[in-house]
């Protein structure tokens, strides 16, 4: 019994040490890394989804075949979405300079945001790419989106090649697309 009393503090200390190490690892992890997130959709055809754009046009993802497509799921009240938005503006500008070789960027408004709040967000923060409204969440459900921001890359063949559930940067997105371009040659 006396030996158990002497061992118990050491066990408690070891458990505390493991928990402290775990905390240090988790606290040191960057929350804005553009790491791929697992999904059964990787390597498979992108879901056949349609929607209306903020401009009132019909949008059909299947008509985008032949182009690299980046879908960024967003909500106007999402703090990380607001933080990453300048990077998306920069990414769109980078891709526009590439002409027909550039990726197409689409924001999917995955929420019950009012049209006015989405318009105001883009008017205040920039960005002139198409915004697809998803008020019922059907596009988000098709892609199994569980939180925003979430970004997907779809190849010109219409296959899902990348998903991240984190803030993205212009450079990281461009690098991902370039990497997939090289792999597909």
N, C-alpha and C. Protein backbone atom coordinates (compact mmCIF):
# COMPACT_ATOMS: atom_id res chain seq x y z
N UNK A 1 0.82 -1.19 0.00
CA UNK A 1 0.00 0.00 0.00
C UNK A 1 0.87 1.25 0.00
N UNK A 2 1.97 1.21 0.76
CA UNK A 2 2.85 2.37 0.83
C UNK A 2 3.52 2.62 -0.52
N UNK A 3 3.83 1.54 -1.27
CA UNK A 3 4.47 1.74 -2.58
C UNK A 3 3.50 2.38 -3.56
N UNK A 4 2.19 2.08 -3.44
CA UNK A 4 1.20 2.71 -4.31
C UNK A 4 1.13 4.21 -4.04
N UNK A 5 1.24 4.59 -2.78
CA UNK A 5 1.20 6.01 -2.43
C UNK A 5 2.42 6.75 -2.99
N UNK A 6 3.54 6.06 -3.09
CA UNK A 6 4.73 6.69 -3.64
C UNK A 6 4.67 6.77 -5.17
N UNK A 7 4.00 5.85 -5.82
CA UNK A 7 3.91 5.81 -7.28
C UNK A 7 2.84 6.78 -7.79
N UNK A 8 1.76 6.95 -7.05
CA UNK A 8 0.65 7.79 -7.50
C UNK A 8 1.08 9.20 -7.90
N UNK A 9 1.91 9.89 -7.12
CA UNK A 9 2.32 11.23 -7.56
C UNK A 9 3.10 11.21 -8.87
N UNK A 10 3.89 10.15 -9.08
CA UNK A 10 4.66 10.04 -10.32
C UNK A 10 3.74 9.81 -11.52
N UNK A 11 2.71 9.02 -11.33
CA UNK A 11 1.74 8.79 -12.40
C UNK A 11 1.01 10.09 -12.73
N UNK A 12 0.60 10.80 -11.69
CA UNK A 12 -0.09 12.08 -11.91
C UNK A 12 0.83 13.07 -12.63
N UNK A 13 2.09 13.08 -12.26
CA UNK A 13 3.06 13.97 -12.90
C UNK A 13 3.26 13.58 -14.37
N UNK A 14 3.33 12.29 -14.65
CA UNK A 14 3.49 11.82 -16.04
C UNK A 14 2.28 12.21 -16.89
N UNK A 15 1.08 12.02 -16.35
CA UNK A 15 -0.14 12.40 -17.08
C UNK A 15 -0.15 13.90 -17.33
N UNK A 16 0.21 14.68 -16.32
CA UNK A 16 0.25 16.13 -16.48
C UNK A 16 1.28 16.53 -17.54
N UNK A 17 2.41 15.84 -17.58
CA UNK A 17 3.43 16.12 -18.59
C UNK A 17 2.95 15.82 -20.00
N UNK A 18 2.25 14.71 -20.17
CA UNK A 18 1.70 14.35 -21.49
C UNK A 18 0.67 15.39 -21.92
N UNK A 19 -0.21 15.78 -21.00
CA UNK A 19 -1.22 16.79 -21.33
C UNK A 19 -0.57 18.13 -21.67
N UNK A 20 0.47 18.51 -20.95
CA UNK A 20 1.16 19.77 -21.23
C UNK A 20 1.81 19.72 -22.61
N UNK A 21 2.44 18.58 -22.94
CA UNK A 21 3.06 18.44 -24.26
C UNK A 21 2.02 18.51 -25.37
N UNK A 22 0.88 17.87 -25.17
CA UNK A 22 -0.20 17.92 -26.15
C UNK A 22 -0.70 19.35 -26.33
N UNK A 23 -0.83 20.07 -25.25
CA UNK A 23 -1.27 21.47 -25.32
C UNK A 23 -0.28 22.30 -26.12
N UNK A 24 1.02 22.11 -25.88
CA UNK A 24 2.05 22.87 -26.60
C UNK A 24 1.97 22.57 -28.09
N UNK A 25 1.81 21.31 -28.45
CA UNK A 25 1.72 20.93 -29.87
C UNK A 25 0.49 21.56 -30.51
N UNK A 26 -0.65 21.45 -29.85
CA UNK A 26 -1.88 22.01 -30.42
C UNK A 26 -1.85 23.53 -30.47
N UNK A 27 -1.31 24.17 -29.47
CA UNK A 27 -1.25 25.63 -29.45
C UNK A 27 -0.28 26.16 -30.50
N UNK A 28 0.75 25.38 -30.81
CA UNK A 28 1.73 25.81 -31.80
C UNK A 28 1.32 25.54 -33.23
N UNK A 29 0.26 24.77 -33.44
CA UNK A 29 -0.18 24.47 -34.80
C UNK A 29 -0.75 25.72 -35.44
N UNK A 30 -0.38 25.95 -36.69
CA UNK A 30 -0.89 27.12 -37.40
C UNK A 30 -2.32 26.83 -37.85
N UNK A 31 -3.22 27.76 -37.57
CA UNK A 31 -4.61 27.56 -37.95
C UNK A 31 -4.88 27.97 -39.38
N UNK A 32 -3.93 28.64 -40.04
CA UNK A 32 -4.18 29.10 -41.40
C UNK A 32 -3.38 28.32 -42.45
N UNK A 33 -2.93 27.13 -42.09
CA UNK A 33 -2.23 26.31 -43.06
C UNK A 33 -3.21 25.87 -44.13
N UNK A 34 -2.71 25.71 -45.34
CA UNK A 34 -3.54 25.22 -46.41
C UNK A 34 -3.22 23.75 -46.61
N UNK A 35 -3.67 22.94 -45.67
CA UNK A 35 -3.46 21.51 -45.73
C UNK A 35 -4.71 20.85 -46.26
N UNK A 36 -4.50 19.81 -47.03
CA UNK A 36 -5.63 19.08 -47.58
C UNK A 36 -6.41 18.41 -46.45
N UNK A 37 -7.72 18.45 -46.56
CA UNK A 37 -8.58 17.77 -45.60
C UNK A 37 -9.17 16.55 -46.29
N UNK A 38 -9.21 15.44 -45.58
CA UNK A 38 -9.74 14.21 -46.15
C UNK A 38 -11.20 14.35 -46.55
N UNK A 39 -11.54 13.75 -47.66
CA UNK A 39 -12.91 13.66 -48.13
C UNK A 39 -12.99 12.51 -49.12
N UNK A 40 -14.07 11.77 -49.12
CA UNK A 40 -14.21 10.70 -50.11
C UNK A 40 -14.37 11.24 -51.54
N UNK A 41 -14.53 12.55 -51.70
CA UNK A 41 -14.70 13.13 -53.04
C UNK A 41 -13.38 13.30 -53.79
N UNK A 42 -12.24 13.26 -53.09
CA UNK A 42 -10.95 13.45 -53.76
C UNK A 42 -10.79 12.36 -54.83
N UNK A 43 -10.47 12.82 -56.05
CA UNK A 43 -10.27 11.90 -57.17
C UNK A 43 -11.55 11.50 -57.88
N UNK A 44 -12.67 11.98 -57.39
CA UNK A 44 -13.97 11.64 -57.99
C UNK A 44 -14.55 12.87 -58.69
N UNK A 45 -15.52 12.65 -59.59
CA UNK A 45 -16.16 13.80 -60.23
C UNK A 45 -16.80 14.72 -59.19
N UNK A 46 -16.66 16.01 -59.42
CA UNK A 46 -17.29 16.99 -58.52
C UNK A 46 -18.80 16.82 -58.59
N UNK A 47 -19.48 17.04 -57.48
CA UNK A 47 -20.94 16.95 -57.49
C UNK A 47 -21.54 17.87 -58.56
N UNK A 48 -22.60 17.40 -59.18
CA UNK A 48 -23.31 18.20 -60.19
C UNK A 48 -24.22 19.17 -59.46
N UNK A 49 -23.75 20.38 -59.28
CA UNK A 49 -24.51 21.38 -58.53
C UNK A 49 -24.78 22.61 -59.40
N UNK A 50 -25.89 23.25 -59.10
CA UNK A 50 -26.26 24.48 -59.79
C UNK A 50 -26.74 25.49 -58.75
N UNK A 51 -26.78 26.72 -59.17
CA UNK A 51 -27.28 27.76 -58.28
C UNK A 51 -27.44 29.06 -59.04
N UNK A 52 -27.89 30.06 -58.33
CA UNK A 52 -28.03 31.39 -58.90
C UNK A 52 -26.92 32.27 -58.36
N UNK A 53 -26.35 33.08 -59.21
CA UNK A 53 -25.31 34.00 -58.77
C UNK A 53 -25.95 35.25 -58.18
N UNK A 54 -25.14 36.00 -57.50
CA UNK A 54 -25.59 37.27 -56.93
C UNK A 54 -26.08 38.21 -58.04
N UNK A 55 -25.52 38.04 -59.24
CA UNK A 55 -25.92 38.86 -60.39
C UNK A 55 -27.20 38.35 -61.05
N UNK A 56 -27.76 37.24 -60.52
CA UNK A 56 -29.01 36.72 -61.06
C UNK A 56 -28.85 35.74 -62.21
N UNK A 57 -27.63 35.32 -62.49
CA UNK A 57 -27.38 34.37 -63.57
C UNK A 57 -27.41 32.95 -63.02
N UNK A 58 -27.68 31.99 -63.90
CA UNK A 58 -27.64 30.58 -63.52
C UNK A 58 -26.19 30.11 -63.57
N UNK A 59 -25.79 29.39 -62.54
CA UNK A 59 -24.44 28.85 -62.46
C UNK A 59 -24.54 27.33 -62.38
N UNK A 60 -23.74 26.65 -63.20
CA UNK A 60 -23.75 25.19 -63.26
C UNK A 60 -22.29 24.73 -63.24
N UNK A 61 -21.89 24.06 -62.17
CA UNK A 61 -20.50 23.64 -62.03
C UNK A 61 -20.06 22.75 -63.19
N UNK A 62 -20.94 21.89 -63.69
CA UNK A 62 -20.54 20.97 -64.76
C UNK A 62 -20.14 21.72 -66.04
N UNK A 63 -20.60 22.94 -66.21
CA UNK A 63 -20.22 23.73 -67.39
C UNK A 63 -18.81 24.32 -67.26
N UNK A 64 -18.18 24.14 -66.13
CA UNK A 64 -16.85 24.69 -65.91
C UNK A 64 -15.76 23.72 -66.33
N UNK A 65 -16.12 22.52 -66.80
CA UNK A 65 -15.10 21.56 -67.23
C UNK A 65 -14.19 22.21 -68.25
N UNK A 66 -12.92 21.88 -68.16
CA UNK A 66 -11.93 22.48 -69.04
C UNK A 66 -11.14 23.57 -68.34
N UNK A 67 -11.57 23.97 -67.17
CA UNK A 67 -10.89 25.02 -66.39
C UNK A 67 -10.59 24.51 -64.99
N UNK A 68 -9.53 25.05 -64.41
CA UNK A 68 -9.30 24.84 -62.99
C UNK A 68 -10.32 25.69 -62.24
N UNK A 69 -10.99 25.11 -61.28
CA UNK A 69 -12.04 25.81 -60.54
C UNK A 69 -11.71 25.77 -59.05
N UNK A 70 -11.85 26.92 -58.42
CA UNK A 70 -11.69 27.02 -56.96
C UNK A 70 -13.03 27.46 -56.40
N UNK A 71 -13.57 26.64 -55.50
CA UNK A 71 -14.81 26.98 -54.80
C UNK A 71 -14.45 27.36 -53.37
N UNK A 72 -14.88 28.54 -52.95
CA UNK A 72 -14.62 28.98 -51.58
C UNK A 72 -15.96 29.16 -50.89
N UNK A 73 -16.25 28.28 -49.94
CA UNK A 73 -17.50 28.36 -49.17
C UNK A 73 -17.31 29.41 -48.08
N UNK A 74 -18.31 30.27 -47.92
CA UNK A 74 -18.15 31.53 -47.20
C UNK A 74 -19.45 31.93 -46.52
N UNK A 75 -19.33 32.72 -45.47
CA UNK A 75 -20.47 33.43 -44.85
C UNK A 75 -19.99 34.84 -44.54
N UNK A 76 -20.84 35.81 -44.75
CA UNK A 76 -20.41 37.21 -44.57
C UNK A 76 -20.11 37.55 -43.11
N UNK A 77 -20.62 36.77 -42.17
CA UNK A 77 -20.37 37.04 -40.75
C UNK A 77 -19.24 36.19 -40.17
N UNK A 78 -18.66 35.33 -40.96
CA UNK A 78 -17.60 34.41 -40.52
C UNK A 78 -16.28 35.18 -40.39
N UNK A 79 -15.71 35.21 -39.19
CA UNK A 79 -14.48 35.97 -38.95
C UNK A 79 -13.32 35.43 -39.79
N UNK A 80 -13.04 34.11 -39.81
CA UNK A 80 -11.95 33.64 -40.67
C UNK A 80 -12.19 33.94 -42.15
N UNK A 81 -13.47 33.94 -42.57
CA UNK A 81 -13.78 34.29 -43.97
C UNK A 81 -13.37 35.73 -44.26
N UNK A 82 -13.65 36.60 -43.31
CA UNK A 82 -13.28 38.01 -43.47
C UNK A 82 -11.76 38.16 -43.50
N UNK A 83 -11.07 37.38 -42.66
CA UNK A 83 -9.61 37.46 -42.59
C UNK A 83 -8.95 36.96 -43.87
N UNK A 84 -9.52 35.92 -44.50
CA UNK A 84 -8.90 35.36 -45.70
C UNK A 84 -9.29 36.12 -46.97
N UNK A 85 -10.32 36.94 -46.92
CA UNK A 85 -10.83 37.59 -48.12
C UNK A 85 -9.78 38.38 -48.90
N UNK A 86 -8.91 39.18 -48.25
CA UNK A 86 -7.88 39.88 -49.02
C UNK A 86 -6.98 38.92 -49.81
N UNK A 87 -6.76 37.73 -49.27
CA UNK A 87 -5.96 36.73 -49.99
C UNK A 87 -6.71 36.22 -51.22
N UNK A 88 -8.02 36.06 -51.10
CA UNK A 88 -8.81 35.63 -52.26
C UNK A 88 -8.82 36.71 -53.34
N UNK A 89 -8.88 37.96 -52.92
CA UNK A 89 -8.81 39.07 -53.88
C UNK A 89 -7.48 39.01 -54.63
N UNK A 90 -6.41 38.80 -53.87
CA UNK A 90 -5.07 38.71 -54.48
C UNK A 90 -4.97 37.49 -55.40
N UNK A 91 -5.53 36.36 -54.98
CA UNK A 91 -5.53 35.15 -55.80
C UNK A 91 -6.27 35.40 -57.11
N UNK A 92 -7.44 36.01 -57.03
CA UNK A 92 -8.23 36.29 -58.24
C UNK A 92 -7.44 37.19 -59.19
N UNK A 93 -6.74 38.17 -58.65
CA UNK A 93 -5.92 39.06 -59.48
C UNK A 93 -4.77 38.29 -60.14
N UNK A 94 -4.12 37.41 -59.37
CA UNK A 94 -3.04 36.58 -59.92
C UNK A 94 -3.55 35.73 -61.08
N UNK A 95 -4.70 35.10 -60.87
CA UNK A 95 -5.25 34.20 -61.88
C UNK A 95 -5.71 34.97 -63.11
N UNK A 96 -6.25 36.17 -62.92
CA UNK A 96 -6.69 36.99 -64.06
C UNK A 96 -5.50 37.34 -64.95
N UNK A 97 -4.33 37.56 -64.35
CA UNK A 97 -3.13 37.87 -65.14
C UNK A 97 -2.69 36.69 -66.00
N UNK A 98 -3.11 35.48 -65.64
CA UNK A 98 -2.74 34.28 -66.41
C UNK A 98 -3.65 34.07 -67.62
N UNK A 99 -4.67 34.89 -67.75
CA UNK A 99 -5.59 34.76 -68.88
C UNK A 99 -6.34 33.44 -68.84
N UNK A 100 -6.40 32.76 -69.99
CA UNK A 100 -7.18 31.51 -70.07
C UNK A 100 -6.55 30.38 -69.26
N UNK A 101 -5.29 30.53 -68.85
CA UNK A 101 -4.64 29.51 -68.02
C UNK A 101 -4.97 29.67 -66.54
N UNK A 102 -5.58 30.79 -66.17
CA UNK A 102 -5.89 31.05 -64.78
C UNK A 102 -7.07 30.23 -64.29
N UNK A 103 -7.09 29.98 -62.99
CA UNK A 103 -8.21 29.26 -62.37
C UNK A 103 -9.40 30.20 -62.22
N UNK A 104 -10.58 29.62 -62.25
CA UNK A 104 -11.81 30.36 -62.01
C UNK A 104 -12.16 30.26 -60.53
N UNK A 105 -12.41 31.39 -59.91
CA UNK A 105 -12.77 31.43 -58.49
C UNK A 105 -14.26 31.72 -58.35
N UNK A 106 -14.91 30.94 -57.50
CA UNK A 106 -16.32 31.15 -57.18
C UNK A 106 -16.47 31.13 -55.67
N UNK A 107 -17.18 32.09 -55.14
CA UNK A 107 -17.55 32.07 -53.73
C UNK A 107 -18.94 31.47 -53.64
N UNK A 108 -19.09 30.50 -52.76
CA UNK A 108 -20.40 29.91 -52.50
C UNK A 108 -20.85 30.46 -51.15
N UNK A 109 -21.89 31.28 -51.16
CA UNK A 109 -22.42 31.85 -49.92
C UNK A 109 -23.25 30.78 -49.24
N UNK A 110 -22.61 30.08 -48.32
CA UNK A 110 -23.17 28.91 -47.66
C UNK A 110 -23.87 29.33 -46.37
N UNK A 111 -25.00 30.00 -46.52
CA UNK A 111 -25.69 30.45 -45.32
C UNK A 111 -27.01 31.08 -45.68
N UNK A 112 -27.62 31.62 -44.67
CA UNK A 112 -28.86 32.36 -44.91
C UNK A 112 -28.58 33.86 -44.93
N UNK A 113 -27.34 34.23 -45.33
CA UNK A 113 -27.01 35.65 -45.50
C UNK A 113 -28.04 36.30 -46.41
N UNK A 114 -28.40 37.52 -46.12
CA UNK A 114 -29.27 38.23 -47.05
C UNK A 114 -28.43 38.65 -48.26
N UNK A 115 -29.07 38.76 -49.39
CA UNK A 115 -28.39 39.20 -50.61
C UNK A 115 -27.74 40.55 -50.37
N UNK A 116 -28.42 41.42 -49.64
CA UNK A 116 -27.86 42.75 -49.36
C UNK A 116 -26.58 42.67 -48.53
N UNK A 117 -26.54 41.76 -47.55
CA UNK A 117 -25.33 41.66 -46.72
C UNK A 117 -24.15 41.11 -47.53
N UNK A 118 -24.43 40.19 -48.45
CA UNK A 118 -23.36 39.65 -49.30
C UNK A 118 -22.86 40.75 -50.24
N UNK A 119 -23.79 41.47 -50.86
CA UNK A 119 -23.39 42.58 -51.74
C UNK A 119 -22.55 43.61 -50.98
N UNK A 120 -22.99 43.95 -49.78
CA UNK A 120 -22.27 44.94 -48.97
C UNK A 120 -20.87 44.43 -48.63
N UNK A 121 -20.77 43.15 -48.26
CA UNK A 121 -19.46 42.59 -47.93
C UNK A 121 -18.50 42.75 -49.10
N UNK A 122 -18.94 42.37 -50.30
CA UNK A 122 -18.06 42.45 -51.47
C UNK A 122 -17.81 43.90 -51.90
N UNK A 123 -18.79 44.76 -51.74
CA UNK A 123 -18.59 46.19 -52.05
C UNK A 123 -17.55 46.80 -51.11
N UNK A 124 -17.60 46.41 -49.85
CA UNK A 124 -16.67 46.95 -48.85
C UNK A 124 -15.27 46.33 -48.92
N UNK A 125 -15.20 45.06 -49.35
CA UNK A 125 -13.94 44.32 -49.26
C UNK A 125 -13.32 43.94 -50.60
N UNK A 126 -13.98 44.25 -51.69
CA UNK A 126 -13.44 43.92 -53.01
C UNK A 126 -13.78 42.50 -53.42
N UNK A 127 -13.42 42.21 -54.65
CA UNK A 127 -13.69 40.89 -55.22
C UNK A 127 -14.77 40.98 -56.27
N UNK A 128 -14.39 40.67 -57.51
CA UNK A 128 -15.36 40.78 -58.59
C UNK A 128 -15.62 39.46 -59.31
N UNK A 129 -15.37 38.37 -58.62
CA UNK A 129 -15.65 37.05 -59.19
C UNK A 129 -17.09 36.67 -58.86
N UNK A 130 -17.61 35.64 -59.52
CA UNK A 130 -19.01 35.25 -59.27
C UNK A 130 -19.24 34.73 -57.85
N UNK A 131 -20.36 35.13 -57.29
CA UNK A 131 -20.79 34.68 -55.97
C UNK A 131 -22.06 33.87 -56.19
N UNK A 132 -22.01 32.61 -55.78
CA UNK A 132 -23.15 31.72 -55.95
C UNK A 132 -23.89 31.63 -54.62
N UNK A 133 -25.18 31.88 -54.67
CA UNK A 133 -25.99 31.84 -53.45
C UNK A 133 -26.44 30.41 -53.19
N UNK A 134 -26.36 29.99 -51.95
CA UNK A 134 -26.76 28.64 -51.55
C UNK A 134 -27.64 28.73 -50.31
N UNK A 135 -28.80 29.38 -50.43
CA UNK A 135 -29.61 29.65 -49.24
C UNK A 135 -30.15 28.39 -48.55
N UNK A 136 -30.35 27.32 -49.29
CA UNK A 136 -30.84 26.07 -48.68
C UNK A 136 -29.70 25.14 -48.30
N UNK A 137 -28.48 25.52 -48.67
CA UNK A 137 -27.32 24.71 -48.32
C UNK A 137 -27.13 23.48 -49.18
N UNK A 138 -27.81 23.37 -50.31
CA UNK A 138 -27.73 22.16 -51.12
C UNK A 138 -26.34 21.97 -51.75
N UNK A 139 -25.69 23.06 -52.13
CA UNK A 139 -24.33 22.93 -52.68
C UNK A 139 -23.38 22.50 -51.55
N UNK A 140 -23.52 23.12 -50.40
CA UNK A 140 -22.70 22.75 -49.25
C UNK A 140 -22.90 21.30 -48.85
N UNK A 141 -24.13 20.82 -48.89
CA UNK A 141 -24.41 19.42 -48.55
C UNK A 141 -23.75 18.49 -49.57
N UNK A 142 -23.84 18.84 -50.86
CA UNK A 142 -23.24 18.00 -51.90
C UNK A 142 -21.73 17.87 -51.71
N UNK A 143 -21.10 18.90 -51.17
CA UNK A 143 -19.66 18.87 -50.92
C UNK A 143 -19.33 18.51 -49.47
N UNK A 144 -20.34 18.21 -48.67
CA UNK A 144 -20.16 17.84 -47.26
C UNK A 144 -19.40 18.92 -46.49
N UNK A 145 -19.75 20.17 -46.74
CA UNK A 145 -19.12 21.28 -46.03
C UNK A 145 -19.63 21.28 -44.60
N UNK A 146 -18.68 21.33 -43.65
CA UNK A 146 -19.12 21.34 -42.26
C UNK A 146 -18.80 22.64 -41.54
N UNK A 147 -17.92 23.44 -42.08
CA UNK A 147 -17.70 24.77 -41.51
C UNK A 147 -17.00 25.63 -42.56
N UNK A 148 -17.11 26.92 -42.37
CA UNK A 148 -16.47 27.84 -43.30
C UNK A 148 -15.36 28.60 -42.59
N UNK A 149 -14.35 29.04 -43.30
CA UNK A 149 -14.18 28.88 -44.73
C UNK A 149 -13.70 27.48 -45.09
N UNK A 150 -14.13 27.04 -46.24
CA UNK A 150 -13.73 25.76 -46.79
C UNK A 150 -13.50 25.97 -48.27
N UNK A 151 -12.38 25.49 -48.77
CA UNK A 151 -12.01 25.74 -50.16
C UNK A 151 -11.71 24.42 -50.87
N UNK A 152 -12.19 24.32 -52.09
CA UNK A 152 -12.04 23.13 -52.92
C UNK A 152 -11.40 23.51 -54.24
N UNK A 153 -10.58 22.60 -54.78
CA UNK A 153 -10.02 22.78 -56.13
C UNK A 153 -10.53 21.62 -56.98
N UNK A 154 -11.01 21.98 -58.17
CA UNK A 154 -11.55 21.00 -59.11
C UNK A 154 -10.73 21.11 -60.40
N UNK A 155 -10.30 19.97 -60.91
CA UNK A 155 -9.45 19.94 -62.11
C UNK A 155 -10.26 20.23 -63.37
N UNK A 156 -9.57 20.51 -64.48
CA UNK A 156 -10.28 20.72 -65.74
C UNK A 156 -11.09 19.50 -66.18
N UNK A 157 -10.73 18.32 -65.69
CA UNK A 157 -11.49 17.11 -66.00
C UNK A 157 -12.74 16.99 -65.15
N UNK A 158 -12.93 17.93 -64.23
CA UNK A 158 -14.11 17.91 -63.36
C UNK A 158 -13.94 17.07 -62.11
N UNK A 159 -12.70 16.71 -61.78
CA UNK A 159 -12.43 15.89 -60.60
C UNK A 159 -12.04 16.76 -59.41
N UNK A 160 -12.51 16.38 -58.25
CA UNK A 160 -12.11 17.05 -57.01
C UNK A 160 -10.68 16.62 -56.71
N UNK A 161 -9.78 17.59 -56.54
CA UNK A 161 -8.38 17.26 -56.27
C UNK A 161 -7.88 17.78 -54.93
N UNK A 162 -8.63 18.70 -54.31
CA UNK A 162 -8.13 19.30 -53.07
C UNK A 162 -9.27 19.90 -52.27
N UNK A 163 -9.15 19.80 -50.95
CA UNK A 163 -10.10 20.44 -50.03
C UNK A 163 -9.32 20.88 -48.80
N UNK A 164 -9.61 22.08 -48.33
CA UNK A 164 -9.04 22.52 -47.07
C UNK A 164 -10.13 23.19 -46.24
N UNK A 165 -10.06 22.95 -44.95
CA UNK A 165 -10.99 23.57 -44.00
C UNK A 165 -10.16 24.52 -43.15
N UNK A 166 -9.81 25.63 -43.74
CA UNK A 166 -8.97 26.62 -43.07
C UNK A 166 -8.90 27.85 -43.96
N UNK A 167 -8.36 28.92 -43.39
CA UNK A 167 -8.11 30.10 -44.21
C UNK A 167 -7.03 29.75 -45.23
N UNK A 168 -7.17 30.33 -46.42
CA UNK A 168 -6.19 30.09 -47.47
C UNK A 168 -5.42 31.38 -47.75
N UNK A 169 -4.28 31.21 -48.41
CA UNK A 169 -3.54 32.37 -48.90
C UNK A 169 -3.47 32.28 -50.42
N UNK A 170 -3.27 33.41 -51.06
CA UNK A 170 -3.17 33.45 -52.52
C UNK A 170 -2.01 32.58 -52.99
N UNK A 171 -0.88 32.70 -52.33
CA UNK A 171 0.30 31.95 -52.75
C UNK A 171 0.11 30.45 -52.57
N UNK A 172 -0.50 30.04 -51.47
CA UNK A 172 -0.72 28.61 -51.23
C UNK A 172 -1.69 28.03 -52.25
N UNK A 173 -2.77 28.75 -52.56
CA UNK A 173 -3.72 28.27 -53.57
C UNK A 173 -3.05 28.17 -54.94
N UNK A 174 -2.30 29.19 -55.31
CA UNK A 174 -1.61 29.16 -56.60
C UNK A 174 -0.63 28.00 -56.67
N UNK A 175 0.09 27.76 -55.58
CA UNK A 175 1.04 26.66 -55.53
C UNK A 175 0.34 25.31 -55.65
N UNK A 176 -0.80 25.17 -54.97
CA UNK A 176 -1.56 23.91 -55.06
C UNK A 176 -1.98 23.65 -56.50
N UNK A 177 -2.53 24.67 -57.14
CA UNK A 177 -3.00 24.50 -58.52
C UNK A 177 -1.82 24.17 -59.43
N UNK A 178 -0.70 24.86 -59.26
CA UNK A 178 0.47 24.59 -60.08
C UNK A 178 0.95 23.16 -59.88
N UNK A 179 0.94 22.70 -58.64
CA UNK A 179 1.35 21.32 -58.35
C UNK A 179 0.44 20.33 -59.06
N UNK A 180 -0.87 20.56 -59.02
CA UNK A 180 -1.80 19.65 -59.70
C UNK A 180 -1.66 19.74 -61.21
N UNK A 181 -1.37 20.93 -61.73
CA UNK A 181 -1.14 21.08 -63.19
C UNK A 181 0.03 20.20 -63.62
N UNK A 182 1.11 20.27 -62.85
CA UNK A 182 2.31 19.49 -63.19
C UNK A 182 2.05 18.00 -63.08
N UNK A 183 1.27 17.58 -62.10
CA UNK A 183 0.95 16.16 -61.95
C UNK A 183 0.07 15.65 -63.08
N UNK A 184 -0.74 16.53 -63.64
CA UNK A 184 -1.69 16.09 -64.67
C UNK A 184 -1.08 16.10 -66.08
N UNK A 185 0.15 16.55 -66.20
CA UNK A 185 0.80 16.59 -67.53
C UNK A 185 1.30 15.24 -67.93
